Amino acid sequence: MRLRNTLAAAVGAAVLVMTLPTSADAAGGEFRYTFHGHAGELRLGRIVDPPSRECITLPEVADEDELPADSPRNDTDATATVFSGADCTGEWFSLRPYGGHASERLKLRSVVFS
């Protein structure tokens, strides 16, 4: 009788664990970039633990009238592909995980993480 109860509890626990959400839907870490504020000052933007496989338009530079962001640094555990246009359009460049970066010459308005 004890063995049956123990087995039932173990199976129930395994089913519960398998239904819990996992962190596979997010890239762990931080993605940073610089952009120009309304007064022209240089500012730092960042995204912490971004979602995976979802295009993120950088809110500070979403408007085409604003200067694009630059100098991206990818300190997440996923590859970051940055795009010159909003909504992951235009020219693109991939930054490796754990420290991939580019200079101020790389202009971006959106990013997606693998």
PDB file of N, CA and C in Angstrom:
ATOM      1  N   MET A   1       0.817  -1.193   0.000  1.00  0.00           N
ATOM      2  CA  MET A   1       0.000   0.000   0.000  1.00  0.00           C
ATOM      3  C   MET A   1       0.863   1.259   0.000  1.00  0.00           C
ATOM      4  N   ARG A   2       1.943   1.247   0.819  1.00  0.00           N
ATOM      5  CA  ARG A   2       2.827   2.417   0.851  1.00  0.00           C
ATOM      6  C   ARG A   2       3.498   2.640  -0.499  1.00  0.00           C
ATOM      7  N   LEU A   3       3.898   1.578  -1.133  1.00  0.00           N
ATOM      8  CA  LEU A   3       4.558   1.697  -2.429  1.00  0.00           C
ATOM      9  C   LEU A   3       3.627   2.342  -3.452  1.00  0.00           C
ATOM     10  N   ARG A   4       2.365   1.956  -3.441  1.00  0.00           N
ATOM     11  CA  ARG A   4       1.393   2.532  -4.373  1.00  0.00           C
ATOM     12  C   ARG A   4       1.208   4.032  -4.105  1.00  0.00           C
ATOM     13  N   ASN A   5       1.103   4.425  -2.844  1.00  0.00           N
ATOM     14  CA  ASN A   5       0.951   5.850  -2.499  1.00  0.00           C
ATOM     15  C   ASN A   5       2.193   6.648  -2.891  1.00  0.00           C
ATOM     16  N   THR A   6       3.357   6.073  -2.630  1.00  0.00           N
ATOM     17  CA  THR A   6       4.609   6.740  -2.982  1.00  0.00           C
ATOM     18  C   THR A   6       4.725   6.906  -4.492  1.00  0.00           C
ATOM     19  N   LEU A   7       4.383   5.852  -5.220  1.00  0.00           N
ATOM     20  CA  LEU A   7       4.433   5.914  -6.680  1.00  0.00           C
ATOM     21  C   LEU A   7       3.435   6.942  -7.223  1.00  0.00           C
ATOM     22  N   ALA A   8       2.245   6.978  -6.676  1.00  0.00           N
ATOM     23  CA  ALA A   8       1.241   7.949  -7.121  1.00  0.00           C
ATOM     24  C   ALA A   8       1.710   9.378  -6.847  1.00  0.00           C
ATOM     25  N   ALA A   9       2.329   9.596  -5.690  1.00  0.00           N
ATOM     26  CA  ALA A   9       2.837  10.933  -5.359  1.00  0.00           C
ATOM     27  C   ALA A   9       3.967  11.335  -6.300  1.00  0.00           C
ATOM     28  N   ALA A  10       4.843  10.387  -6.612  1.00  0.00           N
ATOM     29  CA  ALA A  10       5.968  10.679  -7.511  1.00  0.00           C
ATOM     30  C   ALA A  10       5.475  11.012  -8.912  1.00  0.00           C
ATOM     31  N   VAL A  11       4.511  10.257  -9.406  1.00  0.00           N
ATOM     32  CA  VAL A  11       3.960  10.526 -10.740  1.00  0.00           C
ATOM     33  C   VAL A  11       3.262  11.879 -10.750  1.00  0.00           C
ATOM     34  N   GLY A  12       2.500  12.179  -9.708  1.00  0.00           N
ATOM     35  CA  GLY A  12       1.823  13.470  -9.623  1.00  0.00           C
ATOM     36  C   GLY A  12       2.806  14.633  -9.604  1.00  0.00           C
ATOM     37  N   ALA A  13       3.898  14.488  -8.859  1.00  0.00           N
ATOM     38  CA  ALA A  13       4.921  15.535  -8.801  1.00  0.00           C
ATOM     39  C   ALA A  13       5.596  15.714 -10.160  1.00  0.00           C
ATOM     40  N   ALA A  14       5.873  14.617 -10.851  1.00  0.00           N
ATOM     41  CA  ALA A  14       6.509  14.708 -12.166  1.00  0.00           C
ATOM     42  C   ALA A  14       5.607  15.432 -13.163  1.00  0.00           C
ATOM     43  N   VAL A  15       4.325  15.128 -13.141  1.00  0.00           N
ATOM     44  CA  VAL A  15       3.383  15.808 -14.040  1.00  0.00           C
ATOM     45  C   VAL A  15       3.334  17.293 -13.729  1.00  0.00           C
ATOM     46  N   LEU A  16       3.330  17.652 -12.457  1.00  0.00           N
ATOM     47  CA  LEU A  16       3.287  19.060 -12.063  1.00  0.00           C
ATOM     48  C   LEU A  16       4.532  19.793 -12.527  1.00  0.00           C
ATOM     49  N   VAL A  17       5.693  19.201 -12.359  1.00  0.00           N
ATOM     50  CA  VAL A  17       6.946  19.831 -12.784  1.00  0.00           C
ATOM     51  C   VAL A  17       6.973  20.038 -14.290  1.00  0.00           C
ATOM     52  N   MET A  18       6.467  19.083 -15.045  1.00  0.00           N
ATOM     53  CA  MET A  18       6.486  19.195 -16.505  1.00  0.00           C
ATOM     54  C   MET A  18       5.548  20.291 -17.007  1.00  0.00           C
ATOM     55  N   THR A  19       4.558  20.687 -16.237  1.00  0.00           N
ATOM     56  CA  THR A  19       3.622  21.722 -16.685  1.00  0.00           C
ATOM     57  C   THR A  19       4.057  23.123 -16.291  1.00  0.00           C
ATOM     58  N   LEU A  20       5.105  23.245 -15.481  1.00  0.00           N
ATOM     59  CA  LEU A  20       5.567  24.566 -15.081  1.00  0.00           C
ATOM     60  C   LEU A  20       6.238  25.255 -16.262  1.00  0.00           C
ATOM     61  N   PRO A  21       6.071  26.576 -16.390  1.00  0.00           N
ATOM     62  CA  PRO A  21       6.756  27.283 -17.474  1.00  0.00           C
ATOM     63  C   PRO A  21       8.255  27.286 -17.241  1.00  0.00           C
ATOM     64  N   THR A  22       8.983  27.286 -18.328  1.00  0.00           N
ATOM     65  CA  THR A  22      10.436  27.313 -18.241  1.00  0.00           C
ATOM     66  C   THR A  22      10.955  28.649 -18.723  1.00  0.00           C
ATOM     67  N   SER A  23      12.234  28.880 -18.520  1.00  0.00           N
ATOM     68  CA  SER A  23      12.836  30.137 -18.938  1.00  0.00           C
ATOM     69  C   SER A  23      13.342  30.073 -20.371  1.00  0.00           C
ATOM     70  N   ALA A  24      12.952  29.062 -21.141  1.00  0.00           N
ATOM     71  CA  ALA A  24      13.414  28.922 -22.519  1.00  0.00           C
ATOM     72  C   ALA A  24      12.848  30.008 -23.424  1.00  0.00           C
ATOM     73  N   ASP A  25      11.864  30.739 -22.964  1.00  0.00           N
ATOM     74  CA  ASP A  25      11.257  31.788 -23.768  1.00  0.00           C
ATOM     75  C   ASP A  25      11.916  33.148 -23.569  1.00  0.00           C
ATOM     76  N   ALA A  26      13.031  33.191 -22.860  1.00  0.00           N
ATOM     77  CA  ALA A  26      13.703  34.457 -22.614  1.00  0.00           C
ATOM     78  C   ALA A  26      15.209  34.260 -22.696  1.00  0.00           C
ATOM     79  N   ALA A  27      15.875  35.305 -23.152  1.00  0.00           N
ATOM     80  CA  ALA A  27      17.330  35.319 -23.142  1.00  0.00           C
ATOM     81  C   ALA A  27      17.754  35.893 -21.796  1.00  0.00           C
ATOM     82  N   GLY A  28      18.645  35.227 -21.110  1.00  0.00           N
ATOM     83  CA  GLY A  28      19.097  35.721 -19.818  1.00  0.00           C
ATOM     84  C   GLY A  28      20.221  36.722 -19.983  1.00  0.00           C
ATOM     85  N   GLY A  29      20.159  37.810 -19.252  1.00  0.00           N
ATOM     86  CA  GLY A  29      21.218  38.808 -19.286  1.00  0.00           C
ATOM     87  C   GLY A  29      20.718  40.164 -19.728  1.00  0.00           C
ATOM     88  N   GLU A  30      21.658  40.997 -20.159  1.00  0.00           N
ATOM     89  CA  GLU A  30      21.347  42.392 -20.485  1.00  0.00           C
ATOM     90  C   GLU A  30      21.881  42.765 -21.867  1.00  0.00           C
ATOM     91  N   PHE A  31      21.109  43.550 -22.588  1.00  0.00           N
ATOM     92  CA  PHE A  31      21.494  44.103 -23.886  1.00  0.00           C
ATOM     93  C   PHE A  31      21.510  45.620 -23.711  1.00  0.00           C
ATOM     94  N   ARG A  32      22.619  46.266 -24.087  1.00  0.00           N
ATOM     95  CA  ARG A  32      22.752  47.718 -23.922  1.00  0.00           C
ATOM     96  C   ARG A  32      23.020  48.397 -25.260  1.00  0.00           C
ATOM     97  N   TYR A  33      22.647  49.663 -25.347  1.00  0.00           N
ATOM     98  CA  TYR A  33      22.872  50.472 -26.540  1.00  0.00           C
ATOM     99  C   TYR A  33      22.863  51.928 -26.118  1.00  0.00           C
ATOM    100  N   THR A  34      23.400  52.792 -26.971  1.00  0.00           N
ATOM    101  CA  THR A  34      23.350  54.221 -26.693  1.00  0.00           C
ATOM    102  C   THR A  34      22.419  54.897 -27.699  1.00  0.00           C
ATOM    103  N   PHE A  35      21.834  56.004 -27.264  1.00  0.00           N
ATOM    104  CA  PHE A  35      20.954  56.790 -28.127  1.00  0.00           C
ATOM    105  C   PHE A  35      21.031  58.247 -27.690  1.00  0.00           C
ATOM    106  N   HIS A  36      20.538  59.134 -28.534  1.00  0.00           N
ATOM    107  CA  HIS A  36      20.553  60.560 -28.226  1.00  0.00           C
ATOM    108  C   HIS A  36      19.202  60.979 -27.654  1.00  0.00           C
ATOM    109  N   GLY A  37      19.243  61.659 -26.494  1.00  0.00           N
ATOM    110  CA  GLY A  37      18.025  62.163 -25.869  1.00  0.00           C
ATOM    111  C   GLY A  37      17.481  63.360 -26.631  1.00  0.00           C
ATOM    112  N   HIS A  38      16.374  63.905 -26.141  1.00  0.00           N
ATOM    113  CA  HIS A  38      15.721  65.037 -26.821  1.00  0.00           C
ATOM    114  C   HIS A  38      16.602  66.279 -26.886  1.00  0.00           C
ATOM    115  N   ALA A  39      17.486  66.460 -25.913  1.00  0.00           N
ATOM    116  CA  ALA A  39      18.389  67.611 -25.915  1.00  0.00           C
ATOM    117  C   ALA A  39      19.706  67.293 -26.619  1.00  0.00           C
ATOM    118  N   GLY A  40      19.798  66.106 -27.228  1.00  0.00           N
ATOM    119  CA  GLY A  40      21.003  65.725 -27.946  1.00  0.00           C
ATOM    120  C   GLY A  40      22.039  65.024 -27.094  1.00  0.00           C
ATOM    121  N   GLU A  41      21.755  64.855 -25.796  1.00  0.00           N
ATOM    122  CA  GLU A  41      22.715  64.200 -24.911  1.00  0.00           C
ATOM    123  C   GLU A  41      22.739  62.692 -25.174  1.00  0.00           C
ATOM    124  N   LEU A  42      23.891  62.103 -24.967  1.00  0.00           N
ATOM    125  CA  LEU A  42      24.057  60.668 -25.167  1.00  0.00           C
ATOM    126  C   LEU A  42      23.509  59.928 -23.948  1.00  0.00           C
ATOM    127  N   ARG A  43      22.650  58.947 -24.169  1.00  0.00           N
ATOM    128  CA  ARG A  43      22.011  58.202 -23.086  1.00  0.00           C
ATOM    129  C   ARG A  43      22.215  56.710 -23.299  1.00  0.00           C
ATOM    130  N   LEU A  44      22.060  55.947 -22.231  1.00  0.00           N
ATOM    131  CA  LEU A  44      22.229  54.503 -22.280  1.00  0.00           C
ATOM    132  C   LEU A  44      20.866  53.830 -22.161  1.00  0.00           C
ATOM    133  N   GLY A  45      20.563  52.942 -23.115  1.00  0.00           N
ATOM    134  CA  GLY A  45      19.348  52.146 -23.056  1.00  0.00           C
ATOM    135  C   GLY A  45      19.714  50.713 -22.745  1.00  0.00           C
ATOM    136  N   ARG A  46      18.776  49.980 -22.153  1.00  0.00           N
ATOM    137  CA  ARG A  46      19.068  48.589 -21.844  1.00  0.00           C
ATOM    138  C   ARG A  46      17.796  47.763 -21.820  1.00  0.00           C
ATOM    139  N   ILE A  47      17.967  46.505 -22.142  1.00  0.00           N
ATOM    140  CA  ILE A  47      16.887  45.522 -22.097  1.00  0.00           C
ATOM    141  C   ILE A  47      17.410  44.376 -21.235  1.00  0.00           C
ATOM    142  N   VAL A  48      16.678  44.024 -20.193  1.00  0.00           N
ATOM    143  CA  VAL A  48      17.091  42.961 -19.281  1.00  0.00           C
ATOM    144  C   VAL A  48      16.210  41.732 -19.513  1.00  0.00           C
ATOM    145  N   ASP A  49      16.842  40.579 -19.646  1.00  0.00           N
ATOM    146  CA  ASP A  49      16.152  39.301 -19.869  1.00  0.00           C
ATOM    147  C   ASP A  49      15.087  39.409 -20.966  1.00  0.00           C
ATOM    148  N   PRO A  50      15.507  39.772 -22.183  1.00  0.00           N
ATOM    149  CA  PRO A  50      14.537  39.966 -23.269  1.00  0.00           C
ATOM    150  C   PRO A  50      13.887  38.660 -23.717  1.00  0.00           C
ATOM    151  N   PRO A  51      12.683  38.753 -24.263  1.00  0.00           N
ATOM    152  CA  PRO A  51      12.036  37.551 -24.789  1.00  0.00           C
ATOM    153  C   PRO A  51      12.786  37.035 -26.013  1.00  0.00           C
ATOM    154  N   SER A  52      12.743  35.740 -26.220  1.00  0.00           N
ATOM    155  CA  SER A  52      13.390  35.125 -27.386  1.00  0.00           C
ATOM    156  C   SER A  52      12.447  35.115 -28.578  1.00  0.00           C
ATOM    157  N   ARG A  53      13.041  35.204 -29.775  1.00  0.00           N
ATOM    158  CA  ARG A  53      12.306  35.101 -31.047  1.00  0.00           C
ATOM    159  C   ARG A  53      11.143  36.091 -31.149  1.00  0.00           C
ATOM    160  N   GLU A  54      11.310  37.265 -30.561  1.00  0.00           N
ATOM    161  CA  GLU A  54      10.284  38.305 -30.623  1.00  0.00           C
ATOM    162  C   GLU A  54      10.966  39.620 -30.962  1.00  0.00           C
ATOM    163  N   CYS A  55      10.547  40.262 -32.030  1.00  0.00           N
ATOM    164  CA  CYS A  55      11.163  41.522 -32.443  1.00  0.00           C
ATOM    165  C   CYS A  55      10.878  42.606 -31.407  1.00  0.00           C
ATOM    166  N   ILE A  56      11.921  43.316 -31.008  1.00  0.00           N
ATOM    167  CA  ILE A  56      11.791  44.422 -30.064  1.00  0.00           C
ATOM    168  C   ILE A  56      12.250  45.691 -30.774  1.00  0.00           C
ATOM    169  N   THR A  57      11.319  46.614 -30.997  1.00  0.00           N
ATOM    170  CA  THR A  57      11.687  47.924 -31.526  1.00  0.00           C
ATOM    171  C   THR A  57      12.090  48.786 -30.343  1.00  0.00           C
ATOM    172  N   LEU A  58      13.279  49.366 -30.397  1.00  0.00           N
ATOM    173  CA  LEU A  58      13.768  50.182 -29.291  1.00  0.00           C
ATOM    174  C   LEU A  58      12.893  51.429 -29.174  1.00  0.00           C
ATOM    175  N   PRO A  59      12.238  51.627 -28.045  1.00  0.00           N
ATOM    176  CA  PRO A  59      11.243  52.697 -27.936  1.00  0.00           C
ATOM    177  C   PRO A  59      11.822  54.100 -28.116  1.00  0.00           C
ATOM    178  N   GLU A  60      13.064  54.299 -27.729  1.00  0.00           N
ATOM    179  CA  GLU A  60      13.669  55.629 -27.820  1.00  0.00           C
ATOM    180  C   GLU A  60      13.949  56.060 -29.252  1.00  0.00           C
ATOM    181  N   VAL A  61      14.031  55.094 -30.171  1.00  0.00           N
ATOM    182  CA  VAL A  61      14.401  55.402 -31.553  1.00  0.00           C
ATOM    183  C   VAL A  61      13.410  54.815 -32.558  1.00  0.00           C
ATOM    184  N   ALA A  62      12.212  54.495 -32.110  1.00  0.00           N
ATOM    185  CA  ALA A  62      11.205  53.892 -32.994  1.00  0.00           C
ATOM    186  C   ALA A  62      10.782  54.844 -34.106  1.00  0.00           C
ATOM    187  N   ASP A  63      10.725  56.122 -33.806  1.00  0.00           N
ATOM    188  CA  ASP A  63      10.325  57.137 -34.774  1.00  0.00           C
ATOM    189  C   ASP A  63      11.487  57.404 -35.739  1.00  0.00           C
ATOM    190  N   GLU A  64      11.221  57.313 -37.018  1.00  0.00           N
ATOM    191  CA  GLU A  64      12.265  57.527 -38.032  1.00  0.00           C
ATOM    192  C   GLU A  64      12.833  58.959 -37.998  1.00  0.00           C
ATOM    193  N   ASP A  65      12.138  59.889 -37.341  1.00  0.00           N
ATOM    194  CA  ASP A  65      12.650  61.256 -37.214  1.00  0.00           C
ATOM    195  C   ASP A  65      13.758  61.354 -36.164  1.00  0.00           C
ATOM    196  N   GLU A  66      13.853  60.366 -35.286  1.00  0.00           N
ATOM    197  CA  GLU A  66      14.902  60.326 -34.263  1.00  0.00           C
ATOM    198  C   GLU A  66      16.168  59.715 -34.847  1.00  0.00           C
ATOM    199  N   LEU A  67      17.311  60.097 -34.310  1.00  0.00           N
ATOM    200  CA  LEU A  67      18.557  59.449 -34.702  1.00  0.00           C
ATOM    201  C   LEU A  67      18.518  57.997 -34.227  1.00  0.00           C
ATOM    202  N   PRO A  68      19.081  57.068 -34.980  1.00  0.00           N
ATOM    203  CA  PRO A  68      19.064  55.669 -34.535  1.00  0.00           C
ATOM    204  C   PRO A  68      19.996  55.456 -33.345  1.00  0.00           C
ATOM    205  N   ALA A  69      19.808  54.354 -32.658  1.00  0.00           N
ATOM    206  CA  ALA A  69      20.709  53.962 -31.576  1.00  0.00           C
ATOM    207  C   ALA A  69      22.001  53.414 -32.181  1.00  0.00           C
ATOM    208  N   ASP A  70      23.019  53.261 -31.350  1.00  0.00           N
ATOM    209  CA  ASP A  70      24.279  52.692 -31.816  1.00  0.00           C
ATOM    210  C   ASP A  70      25.013  52.015 -30.661  1.00  0.00           C
ATOM    211  N   SER A  71      26.199  51.547 -30.912  1.00  0.00           N
ATOM    212  CA  SER A  71      27.087  50.925 -29.929  1.00  0.00           C
ATOM    213  C   SER A  71      26.428  49.815 -29.109  1.00  0.00           C
ATOM    214  N   PRO A  72      25.804  48.835 -29.772  1.00  0.00           N
ATOM    215  CA  PRO A  72      25.146  47.776 -29.009  1.00  0.00           C
ATOM    216  C   PRO A  72      26.156  46.849 -28.329  1.00  0.00           C
ATOM    217  N   ARG A  73      25.764  46.333 -27.175  1.00  0.00           N
ATOM    218  CA  ARG A  73      26.564  45.330 -26.458  1.00  0.00           C
ATOM    219  C   ARG A  73      25.615  44.238 -25.972  1.00  0.00           C
ATOM    220  N   ASN A  74      25.893  43.010 -26.372  1.00  0.00           N
ATOM    221  CA  ASN A  74      25.042  41.875 -26.047  1.00  0.00           C
ATOM    222  C   ASN A  74      25.658  41.037 -24.929  1.00  0.00           C
ATOM    223  N   ASP A  75      25.182  41.233 -23.706  1.00  0.00           N
ATOM    224  CA  ASP A  75      25.627  40.435 -22.576  1.00  0.00           C
ATOM    225  C   ASP A  75      24.549  39.440 -22.165  1.00  0.00           C
ATOM    226  N   THR A  76      23.781  38.951 -23.143  1.00  0.00           N
ATOM    227  CA  THR A  76      22.789  37.914 -22.882  1.00  0.00           C
ATOM    228  C   THR A  76      23.383  36.560 -23.262  1.00  0.00           C
ATOM    229  N   ASP A  77      22.619  35.504 -23.004  1.00  0.00           N
ATOM    230  CA  ASP A  77      23.076  34.167 -23.378  1.00  0.00           C
ATOM    231  C   ASP A  77      22.545  33.728 -24.742  1.00  0.00           C
ATOM    232  N   ALA A  78      22.049  34.681 -25.535  1.00  0.00           N
ATOM    233  CA  ALA A  78      21.514  34.390 -26.871  1.00  0.00           C
ATOM    234  C   ALA A  78      22.161  35.308 -27.897  1.00  0.00           C
ATOM    235  N   THR A  79      22.148  34.878 -29.152  1.00  0.00           N
ATOM    236  CA  THR A  79      22.615  35.747 -30.231  1.00  0.00           C
ATOM    237  C   THR A  79      21.592  36.867 -30.417  1.00  0.00           C
ATOM    238  N   ALA A  80      22.074  38.102 -30.547  1.00  0.00           N
ATOM    239  CA  ALA A  80      21.208  39.253 -30.791  1.00  0.00           C
ATOM    240  C   ALA A  80      21.412  39.696 -32.236  1.00  0.00           C
ATOM    241  N   THR A  81      20.339  39.744 -32.988  1.00  0.00           N
ATOM    242  CA  THR A  81      20.411  40.260 -34.354  1.00  0.00           C
ATOM    243  C   THR A  81      19.766  41.633 -34.346  1.00  0.00           C
ATOM    244  N   VAL A  82      20.567  42.648 -34.676  1.00  0.00           N
ATOM    245  CA  VAL A  82      20.085  44.032 -34.662  1.00  0.00           C
ATOM    246  C   VAL A  82      19.749  44.462 -36.080  1.00  0.00           C
ATOM    247  N   PHE A  83      18.763  45.351 -36.195  1.00  0.00           N
ATOM    248  CA  PHE A  83      18.275  45.805 -37.494  1.00  0.00           C
ATOM    249  C   PHE A  83      18.319  47.324 -37.574  1.00  0.00           C
ATOM    250  N   SER A  84      18.572  47.830 -38.773  1.00  0.00           N
ATOM    251  CA  SER A  84      18.651  49.273 -38.976  1.00  0.00           C
ATOM    252  C   SER A  84      17.279  49.939 -38.946  1.00  0.00           C
ATOM    253  N   GLY A  85      16.210  49.180 -39.183  1.00  0.00           N
ATOM    254  CA  GLY A  85      14.861  49.731 -39.187  1.00  0.00           C
ATOM    255  C   GLY A  85      14.028  49.212 -38.029  1.00  0.00           C
ATOM    256  N   ALA A  86      12.918  49.883 -37.778  1.00  0.00           N
ATOM    257  CA  ALA A  86      11.963  49.424 -36.767  1.00  0.00           C
ATOM    258  C   ALA A  86      11.328  48.114 -37.236  1.00  0.00           C
ATOM    259  N   ASP A  87      10.766  47.366 -36.314  1.00  0.00           N
ATOM    260  CA  ASP A  87      10.070  46.112 -36.610  1.00  0.00           C
ATOM    261  C   ASP A  87      10.957  45.090 -37.320  1.00  0.00           C
ATOM    262  N   CYS A  88      12.235  45.101 -36.984  1.00  0.00           N
ATOM    263  CA  CYS A  88      13.213  44.141 -37.518  1.00  0.00           C
ATOM    264  C   CYS A  88      13.255  44.152 -39.042  1.00  0.00           C
ATOM    265  N   THR A  89      13.364  45.345 -39.585  1.00  0.00           N
ATOM    266  CA  THR A  89      13.477  45.523 -41.034  1.00  0.00           C
ATOM    267  C   THR A  89      14.812  46.191 -41.351  1.00  0.00           C
ATOM    268  N   GLY A  90      15.174  46.151 -42.604  1.00  0.00           N
ATOM    269  CA  GLY A  90      16.391  46.810 -43.053  1.00  0.00           C
ATOM    270  C   GLY A  90      17.612  45.924 -42.919  1.00  0.00           C
ATOM    271  N   GLU A  91      18.766  46.561 -42.934  1.00  0.00           N
ATOM    272  CA  GLU A  91      20.026  45.836 -42.829  1.00  0.00           C
ATOM    273  C   GLU A  91      20.143  45.253 -41.428  1.00  0.00           C
ATOM    274  N   TRP A  92      20.845  44.122 -41.323  1.00  0.00           N
ATOM    275  CA  TRP A  92      20.966  43.458 -40.034  1.00  0.00           C
ATOM    276  C   TRP A  92      22.396  43.035 -39.761  1.00  0.00           C
ATOM    277  N   PHE A  93      22.670  42.804 -38.484  1.00  0.00           N
ATOM    278  CA  PHE A  93      23.989  42.370 -38.040  1.00  0.00           C
ATOM    279  C   PHE A  93      23.794  41.542 -36.774  1.00  0.00           C
ATOM    280  N   SER A  94      24.502  40.423 -36.655  1.00  0.00           N
ATOM    281  CA  SER A  94      24.371  39.560 -35.479  1.00  0.00           C
ATOM    282  C   SER A  94      25.509  39.797 -34.495  1.00  0.00           C
ATOM    283  N   LEU A  95      25.149  39.816 -33.211  1.00  0.00           N
ATOM    284  CA  LEU A  95      26.109  39.966 -32.124  1.00  0.00           C
ATOM    285  C   LEU A  95      26.119  38.673 -31.308  1.00  0.00           C
ATOM    286  N   ARG A  96      27.276  38.100 -31.130  1.00  0.00           N
ATOM    287  CA  ARG A  96      27.376  36.837 -30.398  1.00  0.00           C
ATOM    288  C   ARG A  96      26.954  37.020 -28.943  1.00  0.00           C
ATOM    289  N   PRO A  97      26.565  35.939 -28.287  1.00  0.00           N
ATOM    290  CA  PRO A  97      26.212  36.027 -26.869  1.00  0.00           C
ATOM    291  C   PRO A  97      27.444  36.305 -26.000  1.00  0.00           C
ATOM    292  N   TYR A  98      27.212  36.705 -24.760  1.00  0.00           N
ATOM    293  CA  TYR A  98      28.265  36.894 -23.758  1.00  0.00           C
ATOM    294  C   TYR A  98      29.337  37.892 -24.184  1.00  0.00           C
ATOM    295  N   GLY A  99      28.931  39.069 -24.608  1.00  0.00           N
ATOM    296  CA  GLY A  99      29.904  40.134 -24.860  1.00  0.00           C
ATOM    297  C   GLY A  99      30.045  40.616 -26.277  1.00  0.00           C
ATOM    298  N   GLY A 100      29.246  40.113 -27.209  1.00  0.00           N
ATOM    299  CA  GLY A 100      29.323  40.615 -28.579  1.00  0.00           C
ATOM    300  C   GLY A 100      28.965  42.097 -28.604  1.00  0.00           C
ATOM    301  N   HIS A 101      29.727  42.886 -29.341  1.00  0.00           N
ATOM    302  CA  HIS A 101      29.476  44.336 -29.359  1.00  0.00           C
ATOM    303  C   HIS A 101      29.898  44.935 -30.690  1.00  0.00           C
ATOM    304  N   ALA A 102      29.478  46.171 -30.892  1.00  0.00           N
ATOM    305  CA  ALA A 102      29.845  46.928 -32.094  1.00  0.00           C
ATOM    306  C   ALA A 102      30.048  48.383 -31.703  1.00  0.00           C
ATOM    307  N   SER A 103      30.644  49.135 -32.599  1.00  0.00           N
ATOM    308  CA  SER A 103      30.955  50.535 -32.327  1.00  0.00           C
ATOM    309  C   SER A 103      29.767  51.439 -32.650  1.00  0.00           C
ATOM    310  N   GLU A 104      30.003  52.722 -32.518  1.00  0.00           N
ATOM    311  CA  GLU A 104      28.962  53.706 -32.828  1.00  0.00           C
ATOM    312  C   GLU A 104      28.636  53.757 -34.319  1.00  0.00           C
ATOM    313  N   ARG A 105      29.418  53.090 -35.138  1.00  0.00           N
ATOM    314  CA  ARG A 105      29.121  53.056 -36.574  1.00  0.00           C
ATOM    315  C   ARG A 105      27.935  52.164 -36.910  1.00  0.00           C
ATOM    316  N   LEU A 106      27.619  51.203 -36.030  1.00  0.00           N
ATOM    317  CA  LEU A 106      26.478  50.310 -36.266  1.00  0.00           C
ATOM    318  C   LEU A 106      25.207  50.978 -35.732  1.00  0.00           C
ATOM    319  N   LYS A 107      24.314  51.312 -36.617  1.00  0.00           N
ATOM    320  CA  LYS A 107      23.056  51.988 -36.260  1.00  0.00           C
ATOM    321  C   LYS A 107      21.935  50.964 -36.176  1.00  0.00           C
ATOM    322  N   LEU A 108      21.077  51.092 -35.172  1.00  0.00           N
ATOM    323  CA  LEU A 108      19.991  50.125 -35.001  1.00  0.00           C
ATOM    324  C   LEU A 108      18.734  50.779 -34.452  1.00  0.00           C
ATOM    325  N   ARG A 109      17.599  50.142 -34.779  1.00  0.00           N
ATOM    326  CA  ARG A 109      16.288  50.559 -34.260  1.00  0.00           C
ATOM    327  C   ARG A 109      15.513  49.392 -33.666  1.00  0.00           C
ATOM    328  N   SER A 110      15.958  48.168 -33.925  1.00  0.00           N
ATOM    329  CA  SER A 110      15.251  47.004 -33.381  1.00  0.00           C
ATOM    330  C   SER A 110      16.220  45.840 -33.234  1.00  0.00           C
ATOM    331  N   VAL A 111      15.778  44.829 -32.461  1.00  0.00           N
ATOM    332  CA  VAL A 111      16.619  43.669 -32.171  1.00  0.00           C
ATOM    333  C   VAL A 111      15.733  42.450 -31.920  1.00  0.00           C
ATOM    334  N   VAL A 112      16.270  41.284 -32.245  1.00  0.00           N
ATOM    335  CA  VAL A 112      15.601  40.012 -31.928  1.00  0.00           C
ATOM    336  C   VAL A 112      16.673  39.077 -31.364  1.00  0.00           C
ATOM    337  N   PHE A 113      16.278  38.282 -30.368  1.00  0.00           N
ATOM    338  CA  PHE A 113      17.194  37.362 -29.705  1.00  0.00           C
ATOM    339  C   PHE A 113      16.841  35.927 -30.084  1.00  0.00           C
ATOM    340  N   SER A 114      17.868  35.099 -30.327  1.00  0.00           N
ATOM    341  CA  SER A 114      17.628  33.706 -30.737  1.00  0.00           C
ATOM    342  C   SER A 114      17.240  32.850 -29.546  1.00  0.00           C
TER     343      SER A 114
END
